[in-house]
PDB file of N, CA and C in Angstrom:
ATOM      1  N   MET A   1       0.834  -1.161   0.000  1.00  0.00           N
ATOM      2  CA  MET A   1       0.000   0.000   0.000  1.00  0.00           C
ATOM      3  C   MET A   1       0.888   1.237   0.000  1.00  0.00           C
ATOM      4  N   HIS A   2       0.600   2.181  -0.876  1.00  0.00           N
ATOM      5  CA  HIS A   2       1.373   3.414  -0.972  1.00  0.00           C
ATOM      6  C   HIS A   2       0.611   4.557  -0.325  1.00  0.00           C
ATOM      7  N   THR A   3       1.342   5.364   0.379  1.00  0.00           N
ATOM      8  CA  THR A   3       0.745   6.537   1.001  1.00  0.00           C
ATOM      9  C   THR A   3       1.268   7.771   0.292  1.00  0.00           C
ATOM     10  N   ILE A   4       0.365   8.656  -0.044  1.00  0.00           N
ATOM     11  CA  ILE A   4       0.759   9.900  -0.699  1.00  0.00           C
ATOM     12  C   ILE A   4       1.013  10.923   0.392  1.00  0.00           C
ATOM     13  N   VAL A   5       2.274  11.058   0.753  1.00  0.00           N
ATOM     14  CA  VAL A   5       2.652  11.988   1.810  1.00  0.00           C
ATOM     15  C   VAL A   5       2.780  13.396   1.261  1.00  0.00           C
ATOM     16  N   GLY A   6       3.176  13.508   0.014  1.00  0.00           N
ATOM     17  CA  GLY A   6       3.417  14.814  -0.581  1.00  0.00           C
ATOM     18  C   GLY A   6       2.214  15.732  -0.521  1.00  0.00           C
ATOM     19  N   SER A   7       1.043  15.246  -0.893  1.00  0.00           N
ATOM     20  CA  SER A   7      -0.125  16.116  -0.916  1.00  0.00           C
ATOM     21  C   SER A   7      -0.573  16.499   0.487  1.00  0.00           C
ATOM     22  N   ASP A   8      -0.448  15.577   1.436  1.00  0.00           N
ATOM     23  CA  ASP A   8      -0.799  15.897   2.819  1.00  0.00           C
ATOM     24  C   ASP A   8       0.136  16.944   3.399  1.00  0.00           C
ATOM     25  N   SER A   9       1.423  16.808   3.132  1.00  0.00           N
ATOM     26  CA  SER A   9       2.376  17.764   3.682  1.00  0.00           C
ATOM     27  C   SER A   9       2.267  19.130   2.994  1.00  0.00           C
ATOM     28  N   VAL A  10       1.899  19.145   1.726  1.00  0.00           N
ATOM     29  CA  VAL A  10       1.700  20.414   1.031  1.00  0.00           C
ATOM     30  C   VAL A  10       0.492  21.135   1.609  1.00  0.00           C
ATOM     31  N   LEU A  11      -0.588  20.405   1.870  1.00  0.00           N
ATOM     32  CA  LEU A  11      -1.783  20.998   2.465  1.00  0.00           C
ATOM     33  C   LEU A  11      -1.483  21.527   3.863  1.00  0.00           C
ATOM     34  N   LEU A  12      -0.765  20.764   4.655  1.00  0.00           N
ATOM     35  CA  LEU A  12      -0.398  21.194   6.002  1.00  0.00           C
ATOM     36  C   LEU A  12       0.501  22.428   5.948  1.00  0.00           C
ATOM     37  N   ALA A  13       1.457  22.444   5.034  1.00  0.00           N
ATOM     38  CA  ALA A  13       2.343  23.601   4.891  1.00  0.00           C
ATOM     39  C   ALA A  13       1.544  24.833   4.477  1.00  0.00           C
ATOM     40  N   PHE A  14       0.568  24.662   3.588  1.00  0.00           N
ATOM     41  CA  PHE A  14      -0.264  25.777   3.152  1.00  0.00           C
ATOM     42  C   PHE A  14      -1.099  26.321   4.308  1.00  0.00           C
ATOM     43  N   ILE A  15      -1.661  25.447   5.127  1.00  0.00           N
ATOM     44  CA  ILE A  15      -2.449  25.875   6.294  1.00  0.00           C
ATOM     45  C   ILE A  15      -1.563  26.613   7.292  1.00  0.00           C
ATOM     46  N   ILE A  16      -0.370  26.101   7.545  1.00  0.00           N
ATOM     47  CA  ILE A  16       0.566  26.765   8.454  1.00  0.00           C
ATOM     48  C   ILE A  16       0.950  28.122   7.893  1.00  0.00           C
ATOM     49  N   TRP A  17       1.173  28.204   6.602  1.00  0.00           N
ATOM     50  CA  TRP A  17       1.533  29.454   5.928  1.00  0.00           C
ATOM     51  C   TRP A  17       0.445  30.497   6.132  1.00  0.00           C
ATOM     52  N   ILE A  18      -0.821  30.104   5.988  1.00  0.00           N
ATOM     53  CA  ILE A  18      -1.948  31.015   6.165  1.00  0.00           C
ATOM     54  C   ILE A  18      -2.051  31.468   7.619  1.00  0.00           C
ATOM     55  N   VAL A  19      -1.931  30.526   8.559  1.00  0.00           N
ATOM     56  CA  VAL A  19      -2.062  30.861   9.983  1.00  0.00           C
ATOM     57  C   VAL A  19      -0.928  31.782  10.424  1.00  0.00           C
ATOM     58  N   VAL A  20       0.303  31.455  10.054  1.00  0.00           N
ATOM     59  CA  VAL A  20       1.441  32.301  10.418  1.00  0.00           C
ATOM     60  C   VAL A  20       1.318  33.665   9.748  1.00  0.00           C
ATOM     61  N   GLY A  21       0.886  33.684   8.487  1.00  0.00           N
ATOM     62  CA  GLY A  21       0.671  34.951   7.796  1.00  0.00           C
ATOM     63  C   GLY A  21      -0.376  35.808   8.489  1.00  0.00           C
ATOM     64  N   ALA A  22      -1.439  35.168   8.978  1.00  0.00           N
ATOM     65  CA  ALA A  22      -2.480  35.907   9.696  1.00  0.00           C
ATOM     66  C   ALA A  22      -1.943  36.480  11.000  1.00  0.00           C
ATOM     67  N   ILE A  23      -1.134  35.711  11.701  1.00  0.00           N
ATOM     68  CA  ILE A  23      -0.553  36.186  12.964  1.00  0.00           C
ATOM     69  C   ILE A  23       0.403  37.349  12.698  1.00  0.00           C
ATOM     70  N   ILE A  24       1.240  37.198  11.675  1.00  0.00           N
ATOM     71  CA  ILE A  24       2.177  38.264  11.314  1.00  0.00           C
ATOM     72  C   ILE A  24       1.401  39.516  10.887  1.00  0.00           C
ATOM     73  N   GLY A  25       0.368  39.342  10.084  1.00  0.00           N
ATOM     74  CA  GLY A  25      -0.457  40.473   9.659  1.00  0.00           C
ATOM     75  C   GLY A  25      -1.174  41.134  10.821  1.00  0.00           C
ATOM     76  N   TRP A  26      -1.633  40.319  11.772  1.00  0.00           N
ATOM     77  CA  TRP A  26      -2.288  40.855  12.969  1.00  0.00           C
ATOM     78  C   TRP A  26      -1.303  41.690  13.785  1.00  0.00           C
ATOM     79  N   LEU A  27      -0.086  41.176  13.960  1.00  0.00           N
ATOM     80  CA  LEU A  27       0.946  41.932  14.675  1.00  0.00           C
ATOM     81  C   LEU A  27       1.253  43.242  13.952  1.00  0.00           C
ATOM     82  N   ALA A  28       1.349  43.194  12.637  1.00  0.00           N
ATOM     83  CA  ALA A  28       1.596  44.413  11.869  1.00  0.00           C
ATOM     84  C   ALA A  28       0.435  45.390  12.030  1.00  0.00           C
ATOM     85  N   GLY A  29      -0.794  44.880  12.067  1.00  0.00           N
ATOM     86  CA  GLY A  29      -1.960  45.733  12.270  1.00  0.00           C
ATOM     87  C   GLY A  29      -1.948  46.409  13.627  1.00  0.00           C
ATOM     88  N   LEU A  30      -1.409  45.714  14.628  1.00  0.00           N
ATOM     89  CA  LEU A  30      -1.285  46.325  15.948  1.00  0.00           C
ATOM     90  C   LEU A  30      -0.245  47.439  15.955  1.00  0.00           C
ATOM     91  N   LEU A  31       0.815  47.259  15.179  1.00  0.00           N
ATOM     92  CA  LEU A  31       1.903  48.236  15.152  1.00  0.00           C
ATOM     93  C   LEU A  31       1.583  49.451  14.293  1.00  0.00           C
ATOM     94  N   VAL A  32       0.756  49.255  13.269  1.00  0.00           N
ATOM     95  CA  VAL A  32       0.384  50.359  12.390  1.00  0.00           C
ATOM     96  C   VAL A  32      -0.848  51.023  12.984  1.00  0.00           C
ATOM     97  N   GLN A  33      -0.808  52.323  13.065  1.00  0.00           N
ATOM     98  CA  GLN A  33      -1.901  53.067  13.673  1.00  0.00           C
ATOM     99  C   GLN A  33      -3.212  52.796  12.941  1.00  0.00           C
ATOM    100  N   GLY A  34      -4.261  52.507  13.702  1.00  0.00           N
ATOM    101  CA  GLY A  34      -5.570  52.292  13.109  1.00  0.00           C
ATOM    102  C   GLY A  34      -6.034  50.856  13.180  1.00  0.00           C
ATOM    103  N   GLY A  35      -5.222  49.931  13.672  1.00  0.00           N
ATOM    104  CA  GLY A  35      -5.648  48.547  13.841  1.00  0.00           C
ATOM    105  C   GLY A  35      -5.522  47.719  12.586  1.00  0.00           C
ATOM    106  N   GLY A  36      -6.045  46.497  12.683  1.00  0.00           N
ATOM    107  CA  GLY A  36      -5.932  45.544  11.596  1.00  0.00           C
ATOM    108  C   GLY A  36      -6.984  45.745  10.523  1.00  0.00           C
ATOM    109  N   PHE A  37      -6.952  44.856   9.534  1.00  0.00           N
ATOM    110  CA  PHE A  37      -7.847  44.947   8.384  1.00  0.00           C
ATOM    111  C   PHE A  37      -8.867  43.820   8.347  1.00  0.00           C
ATOM    112  N   GLY A  38      -8.854  42.928   9.323  1.00  0.00           N
ATOM    113  CA  GLY A  38      -9.685  41.729   9.279  1.00  0.00           C
ATOM    114  C   GLY A  38      -8.818  40.529   8.966  1.00  0.00           C
ATOM    115  N   PHE A  39      -9.333  39.336   9.251  1.00  0.00           N
ATOM    116  CA  PHE A  39      -8.519  38.121   9.157  1.00  0.00           C
ATOM    117  C   PHE A  39      -7.937  37.904   7.768  1.00  0.00           C
ATOM    118  N   VAL A  40      -8.759  37.976   6.746  1.00  0.00           N
ATOM    119  CA  VAL A  40      -8.293  37.647   5.389  1.00  0.00           C
ATOM    120  C   VAL A  40      -7.243  38.640   4.916  1.00  0.00           C
ATOM    121  N   LEU A  41      -7.520  39.928   5.052  1.00  0.00           N
ATOM    122  CA  LEU A  41      -6.548  40.928   4.595  1.00  0.00           C
ATOM    123  C   LEU A  41      -5.299  40.932   5.474  1.00  0.00           C
ATOM    124  N   ASP A  42      -5.458  40.700   6.788  1.00  0.00           N
ATOM    125  CA  ASP A  42      -4.280  40.579   7.660  1.00  0.00           C
ATOM    126  C   ASP A  42      -3.408  39.408   7.227  1.00  0.00           C
ATOM    127  N   ALA A  43      -4.033  38.276   6.888  1.00  0.00           N
ATOM    128  CA  ALA A  43      -3.269  37.111   6.427  1.00  0.00           C
ATOM    129  C   ALA A  43      -2.527  37.434   5.135  1.00  0.00           C
ATOM    130  N   LEU A  44      -3.210  38.088   4.208  1.00  0.00           N
ATOM    131  CA  LEU A  44      -2.558  38.450   2.942  1.00  0.00           C
ATOM    132  C   LEU A  44      -1.419  39.441   3.164  1.00  0.00           C
ATOM    133  N   ILE A  45      -1.640  40.405   4.049  1.00  0.00           N
ATOM    134  CA  ILE A  45      -0.582  41.377   4.360  1.00  0.00           C
ATOM    135  C   ILE A  45       0.600  40.679   5.024  1.00  0.00           C
ATOM    136  N   GLY A  46       0.328  39.752   5.928  1.00  0.00           N
ATOM    137  CA  GLY A  46       1.408  39.011   6.586  1.00  0.00           C
ATOM    138  C   GLY A  46       2.212  38.173   5.610  1.00  0.00           C
ATOM    139  N   ILE A  47       1.522  37.485   4.715  1.00  0.00           N
ATOM    140  CA  ILE A  47       2.215  36.648   3.722  1.00  0.00           C
ATOM    141  C   ILE A  47       3.000  37.525   2.761  1.00  0.00           C
ATOM    142  N   LEU A  48       2.372  38.584   2.257  1.00  0.00           N
ATOM    143  CA  LEU A  48       3.065  39.485   1.345  1.00  0.00           C
ATOM    144  C   LEU A  48       4.230  40.188   2.038  1.00  0.00           C
ATOM    145  N   GLY A  49       4.044  40.538   3.307  1.00  0.00           N
ATOM    146  CA  GLY A  49       5.130  41.145   4.075  1.00  0.00           C
ATOM    147  C   GLY A  49       6.316  40.219   4.235  1.00  0.00           C
ATOM    148  N   SER A  50       6.047  38.940   4.416  1.00  0.00           N
ATOM    149  CA  SER A  50       7.133  37.960   4.507  1.00  0.00           C
ATOM    150  C   SER A  50       7.891  37.865   3.193  1.00  0.00           C
ATOM    151  N   VAL A  51       7.156  37.896   2.097  1.00  0.00           N
ATOM    152  CA  VAL A  51       7.794  37.850   0.782  1.00  0.00           C
ATOM    153  C   VAL A  51       8.618  39.114   0.545  1.00  0.00           C
ATOM    154  N   VAL A  52       8.048  40.260   0.899  1.00  0.00           N
ATOM    155  CA  VAL A  52       8.763  41.527   0.738  1.00  0.00           C
ATOM    156  C   VAL A  52      10.050  41.520   1.560  1.00  0.00           C
ATOM    157  N   ALA A  53       9.952  41.099   2.812  1.00  0.00           N
ATOM    158  CA  ALA A  53      11.141  41.053   3.669  1.00  0.00           C
ATOM    159  C   ALA A  53      12.175  40.073   3.129  1.00  0.00           C
ATOM    160  N   GLY A  54      11.722  38.923   2.660  1.00  0.00           N
ATOM    161  CA  GLY A  54      12.640  37.920   2.114  1.00  0.00           C
ATOM    162  C   GLY A  54      13.332  38.373   0.846  1.00  0.00           C
ATOM    163  N   TRP A  55      12.685  39.239   0.091  1.00  0.00           N
ATOM    164  CA  TRP A  55      13.284  39.743  -1.135  1.00  0.00           C
ATOM    165  C   TRP A  55      14.114  41.005  -0.894  1.00  0.00           C
ATOM    166  N   LEU A  56      13.576  41.936  -0.097  1.00  0.00           N
ATOM    167  CA  LEU A  56      14.187  43.249   0.050  1.00  0.00           C
ATOM    168  C   LEU A  56      15.401  43.263   0.983  1.00  0.00           C
ATOM    169  N   PHE A  57      15.275  42.630   2.128  1.00  0.00           N
ATOM    170  CA  PHE A  57      16.334  42.726   3.138  1.00  0.00           C
ATOM    171  C   PHE A  57      17.684  42.206   2.669  1.00  0.00           C
ATOM    172  N   PRO A  58      17.764  41.064   2.001  1.00  0.00           N
ATOM    173  CA  PRO A  58      19.087  40.626   1.521  1.00  0.00           C
ATOM    174  C   PRO A  58      19.692  41.590   0.499  1.00  0.00           C
ATOM    175  N   ARG A  59      18.856  42.216  -0.318  1.00  0.00           N
ATOM    176  CA  ARG A  59      19.367  43.162  -1.307  1.00  0.00           C
ATOM    177  C   ARG A  59      19.895  44.434  -0.668  1.00  0.00           C
ATOM    178  N   LEU A  60      19.367  44.755   0.503  1.00  0.00           N
ATOM    179  CA  LEU A  60      19.852  45.920   1.243  1.00  0.00           C
ATOM    180  C   LEU A  60      21.000  45.570   2.182  1.00  0.00           C
ATOM    181  N   GLY A  61      21.343  44.280   2.260  1.00  0.00           N
ATOM    182  CA  GLY A  61      22.395  43.832   3.159  1.00  0.00           C
ATOM    183  C   GLY A  61      21.950  43.808   4.614  1.00  0.00           C
ATOM    184  N   PHE A  62      20.662  43.751   4.826  1.00  0.00           N
ATOM    185  CA  PHE A  62      20.072  43.799   6.168  1.00  0.00           C
ATOM    186  C   PHE A  62      19.684  42.397   6.595  1.00  0.00           C
ATOM    187  N   THR A  63      20.123  41.981   7.789  1.00  0.00           N
ATOM    188  CA  THR A  63      19.774  40.665   8.287  1.00  0.00           C
ATOM    189  C   THR A  63      19.445  40.732   9.781  1.00  0.00           C
ATOM    190  N   LEU A  64      18.529  39.919  10.178  1.00  0.00           N
ATOM    191  CA  LEU A  64      18.159  39.817  11.589  1.00  0.00           C
ATOM    192  C   LEU A  64      18.554  38.466  12.157  1.00  0.00           C
ATOM    193  N   GLY A  65      19.445  37.782  11.489  1.00  0.00           N
ATOM    194  CA  GLY A  65      19.878  36.465  11.916  1.00  0.00           C
ATOM    195  C   GLY A  65      19.237  35.394  11.052  1.00  0.00           C
ATOM    196  N   GLY A  66      19.726  34.201  11.182  1.00  0.00           N
ATOM    197  CA  GLY A  66      19.233  33.118  10.344  1.00  0.00           C
ATOM    198  C   GLY A  66      18.217  32.228  11.013  1.00  0.00           C
ATOM    199  N   GLY A  67      17.847  32.526  12.242  1.00  0.00           N
ATOM    200  CA  GLY A  67      16.936  31.654  12.973  1.00  0.00           C
ATOM    201  C   GLY A  67      15.471  32.024  12.803  1.00  0.00           C
ATOM    202  N   LEU A  68      14.645  31.324  13.535  1.00  0.00           N
ATOM    203  CA  LEU A  68      13.203  31.523  13.478  1.00  0.00           C
ATOM    204  C   LEU A  68      12.803  32.909  13.975  1.00  0.00           C
ATOM    205  N   ILE A  69      13.410  33.367  15.049  1.00  0.00           N
ATOM    206  CA  ILE A  69      13.082  34.682  15.603  1.00  0.00           C
ATOM    207  C   ILE A  69      13.427  35.786  14.600  1.00  0.00           C
ATOM    208  N   GLY A  70      14.580  35.680  13.957  1.00  0.00           N
ATOM    209  CA  GLY A  70      14.964  36.660  12.948  1.00  0.00           C
ATOM    210  C   GLY A  70      14.004  36.666  11.771  1.00  0.00           C
ATOM    211  N   ALA A  71      13.556  35.482  11.356  1.00  0.00           N
ATOM    212  CA  ALA A  71      12.602  35.392  10.248  1.00  0.00           C
ATOM    213  C   ALA A  71      11.259  36.001  10.636  1.00  0.00           C
ATOM    214  N   ILE A  72      10.823  35.773  11.856  1.00  0.00           N
ATOM    215  CA  ILE A  72       9.555  36.340  12.314  1.00  0.00           C
ATOM    216  C   ILE A  72       9.657  37.855  12.395  1.00  0.00           C
ATOM    217  N   LEU A  73      10.755  38.367  12.950  1.00  0.00           N
ATOM    218  CA  LEU A  73      10.938  39.822  13.026  1.00  0.00           C
ATOM    219  C   LEU A  73      10.990  40.454  11.639  1.00  0.00           C
ATOM    220  N   ALA A  74      11.701  39.820  10.727  1.00  0.00           N
ATOM    221  CA  ALA A  74      11.774  40.343   9.359  1.00  0.00           C
ATOM    222  C   ALA A  74      10.389  40.318   8.711  1.00  0.00           C
ATOM    223  N   SER A  75       9.626  39.277   8.945  1.00  0.00           N
ATOM    224  CA  SER A  75       8.284  39.182   8.381  1.00  0.00           C
ATOM    225  C   SER A  75       7.365  40.258   8.936  1.00  0.00           C
ATOM    226  N   VAL A  76       7.472  40.522  10.231  1.00  0.00           N
ATOM    227  CA  VAL A  76       6.645  41.569  10.840  1.00  0.00           C
ATOM    228  C   VAL A  76       7.022  42.929  10.256  1.00  0.00           C
ATOM    229  N   ILE A  77       8.317  43.199  10.113  1.00  0.00           N
ATOM    230  CA  ILE A  77       8.756  44.465   9.528  1.00  0.00           C
ATOM    231  C   ILE A  77       8.255  44.579   8.090  1.00  0.00           C
ATOM    232  N   GLY A  78       8.374  43.502   7.330  1.00  0.00           N
ATOM    233  CA  GLY A  78       7.864  43.516   5.961  1.00  0.00           C
ATOM    234  C   GLY A  78       6.359  43.720   5.919  1.00  0.00           C
ATOM    235  N   ALA A  79       5.632  43.101   6.846  1.00  0.00           N
ATOM    236  CA  ALA A  79       4.178  43.260   6.894  1.00  0.00           C
ATOM    237  C   ALA A  79       3.795  44.683   7.297  1.00  0.00           C
ATOM    238  N   VAL A  80       4.575  45.292   8.171  1.00  0.00           N
ATOM    239  CA  VAL A  80       4.317  46.694   8.539  1.00  0.00           C
ATOM    240  C   VAL A  80       4.507  47.587   7.312  1.00  0.00           C
ATOM    241  N   ILE A  81       5.541  47.322   6.529  1.00  0.00           N
ATOM    242  CA  ILE A  81       5.768  48.085   5.300  1.00  0.00           C
ATOM    243  C   ILE A  81       4.574  47.935   4.362  1.00  0.00           C
ATOM    244  N   VAL A  82       4.097  46.713   4.198  1.00  0.00           N
ATOM    245  CA  VAL A  82       2.955  46.468   3.316  1.00  0.00           C
ATOM    246  C   VAL A  82       1.690  47.113   3.882  1.00  0.00           C
ATOM    247  N   ALA A  83       1.477  47.012   5.199  1.00  0.00           N
ATOM    248  CA  ALA A  83       0.285  47.597   5.819  1.00  0.00           C
ATOM    249  C   ALA A  83       0.269  49.116   5.661  1.00  0.00           C
ATOM    250  N   VAL A  84       1.420  49.750   5.832  1.00  0.00           N
ATOM    251  CA  VAL A  84       1.502  51.204   5.635  1.00  0.00           C
ATOM    252  C   VAL A  84       1.207  51.540   4.176  1.00  0.00           C
ATOM    253  N   ALA A  85       1.737  50.759   3.257  1.00  0.00           N
ATOM    254  CA  ALA A  85       1.472  51.000   1.835  1.00  0.00           C
ATOM    255  C   ALA A  85      -0.014  50.840   1.521  1.00  0.00           C
ATOM    256  N   VAL A  86      -0.654  49.830   2.112  1.00  0.00           N
ATOM    257  CA  VAL A  86      -2.092  49.620   1.892  1.00  0.00           C
ATOM    258  C   VAL A  86      -2.884  50.798   2.447  1.00  0.00           C
ATOM    259  N   ARG A  87      -2.512  51.269   3.636  1.00  0.00           N
ATOM    260  CA  ARG A  87      -3.206  52.422   4.224  1.00  0.00           C
ATOM    261  C   ARG A  87      -3.052  53.664   3.343  1.00  0.00           C
ATOM    262  N   LEU A  88      -1.849  53.875   2.821  1.00  0.00           N
ATOM    263  CA  LEU A  88      -1.617  55.036   1.944  1.00  0.00           C
ATOM    264  C   LEU A  88      -2.426  54.918   0.656  1.00  0.00           C
ATOM    265  N   LEU A  89      -2.508  53.704   0.106  1.00  0.00           N
ATOM    266  CA  LEU A  89      -3.278  53.506  -1.117  1.00  0.00           C
ATOM    267  C   LEU A  89      -4.775  53.659  -0.879  1.00  0.00           C
ATOM    268  N   ARG A  90      -5.242  53.312   0.285  1.00  0.00           N
ATOM    269  CA  ARG A  90      -6.672  53.471   0.617  1.00  0.00           C
ATOM    270  C   ARG A  90      -7.063  54.942   0.712  1.00  0.00           C
ATOM    271  N   ARG A  91      -6.123  55.808   1.082  1.00  0.00           N
ATOM    272  CA  ARG A  91      -6.409  57.235   1.216  1.00  0.00           C
ATOM    273  C   ARG A  91      -6.520  57.923  -0.138  1.00  0.00           C
ATOM    274  N   ILE A  92      -5.912  57.332  -1.148  1.00  0.00           N
ATOM    275  CA  ILE A  92      -5.918  57.958  -2.483  1.00  0.00           C
ATOM    276  C   ILE A  92      -7.269  57.770  -3.142  1.00  0.00           C
TER     277      ILE A  92
END
């Protein structure tokens, strides 16, 4: 009997990605004046913020360490950048 582990682990990774993104987005919403945007938009901001931090920080030579705490801090900073950008775009 064969077990398809790949699809189960991909689904679990996707769920973890969404939950962590929501937490990161929620933290960014707390740091940005005016509160959060709701679960779905906070999750998207958190995920996009993580991508922004992962792309931007190495190009700027900026690092917060290679561990989990450094990755979380970088993701929160990236999510704050995205949240501020979203707030500025909403005002236009």
